[in-house]
């Protein structure tokens, strides 16, 4: 039997330069594009449907400095910035 993990909001996320209080764990959650799916990350919001509705953030709210627009390379399934 698989144990369900629970996640607590990181209330100081802004001071840490994060986009939301669950950014630290969002990749651990399902990517099923259902009612719980975050419109920014695509994964289910660990805060639940009420938190998702109250959040209201979209992909357009991501700070420009957080978006990497350079080239990348993929080596053995891992993504790296291409520094050439």
Protein backbone atom coordinates (compact mmCIF):
# COMPACT_ATOMS: atom_id res chain seq x y z
CA UNK A 1 0.00 0.00 0.00
CA UNK A 2 1.36 3.40 -1.02
CA UNK A 3 1.38 6.10 1.66
CA UNK A 4 -0.02 9.48 0.63
CA UNK A 5 2.33 12.37 1.36
CA UNK A 6 0.98 15.63 2.67
CA UNK A 7 2.59 18.99 1.98
CA UNK A 8 2.50 22.11 4.09
CA UNK A 9 2.58 25.57 2.52
CA UNK A 10 5.93 27.34 2.74
CA UNK A 11 4.67 30.67 4.07
CA UNK A 12 7.95 32.53 3.46
CA UNK A 13 8.03 31.55 -0.23
CA UNK A 14 8.22 35.18 -1.41
CA UNK A 15 11.32 35.87 0.68
CA UNK A 16 12.91 32.77 -0.85
CA UNK A 17 12.17 33.94 -4.40
CA UNK A 18 9.59 31.24 -5.07
CA UNK A 19 6.43 31.73 -7.13
CA UNK A 20 4.01 30.00 -4.76
CA UNK A 21 4.00 28.33 -1.37
CA UNK A 22 3.97 24.87 -2.94
CA UNK A 23 6.64 25.37 -5.59
CA UNK A 24 9.10 23.32 -3.52
CA UNK A 25 7.02 20.15 -3.96
CA UNK A 26 4.85 20.64 -7.05
CA UNK A 27 6.81 18.14 -9.17
CA UNK A 28 5.96 15.37 -6.69
CA UNK A 29 2.28 15.65 -7.58
CA UNK A 30 0.32 14.14 -10.48
CA UNK A 31 0.29 15.81 -13.88
CA UNK A 32 -3.20 14.77 -14.90
CA UNK A 33 -4.74 18.08 -16.12
CA UNK A 34 -7.84 17.68 -13.94
CA UNK A 35 -9.75 20.06 -11.69
CA UNK A 36 -6.84 20.26 -9.22
CA UNK A 37 -4.24 21.11 -11.87
CA UNK A 38 -2.32 24.33 -11.35
CA UNK A 39 -2.64 26.61 -14.41
CA UNK A 40 1.05 27.53 -14.04
CA UNK A 41 2.81 24.23 -13.35
CA UNK A 42 0.21 21.76 -14.61
CA UNK A 43 0.57 19.46 -11.62
CA UNK A 44 -2.17 18.99 -9.02
CA UNK A 45 -2.10 21.75 -6.40
CA UNK A 46 -1.22 20.28 -2.99
CA UNK A 47 -3.40 22.96 -1.38
CA UNK A 48 -6.51 21.47 -2.94
CA UNK A 49 -9.24 22.87 -5.15
CA UNK A 50 -10.04 25.80 -2.84
CA UNK A 51 -6.40 26.94 -2.81
CA UNK A 52 -6.19 26.58 -6.58
CA UNK A 53 -9.28 28.76 -7.05
CA UNK A 54 -8.09 31.37 -4.52
CA UNK A 55 -4.60 31.56 -6.03
CA UNK A 56 -5.65 32.84 -9.44
CA UNK A 57 -2.09 32.89 -10.84
CA UNK A 58 -1.44 32.08 -14.48
CA UNK A 59 1.62 31.40 -16.58
CA UNK A 60 1.74 35.13 -17.36
CA UNK A 61 2.41 35.88 -13.68
CA UNK A 62 5.80 34.15 -13.63
CA UNK A 63 8.47 36.85 -13.14
CA UNK A 64 10.51 37.43 -16.31
CA UNK A 65 13.78 36.79 -14.43
CA UNK A 66 12.58 33.22 -13.70
CA UNK A 67 12.14 32.32 -17.39
CA UNK A 68 15.20 30.91 -19.12
CA UNK A 69 15.15 31.75 -22.82
CA UNK A 70 18.56 30.43 -23.80
CA UNK A 71 19.48 27.18 -25.47
CA UNK A 72 19.40 23.88 -23.64
CA UNK A 73 20.96 20.51 -24.24
CA UNK A 74 19.68 17.15 -23.09
CA UNK A 75 22.16 14.49 -22.03
CA UNK A 76 20.85 11.09 -20.92
CA UNK A 77 17.44 12.56 -20.21
CA UNK A 78 18.71 15.48 -18.09
CA UNK A 79 18.30 19.11 -19.20
CA UNK A 80 21.25 21.53 -19.05
CA UNK A 81 21.80 25.14 -20.09
CA UNK A 82 23.93 25.24 -23.23
CA UNK A 83 26.73 27.65 -22.31
CA UNK A 84 28.29 27.72 -25.80
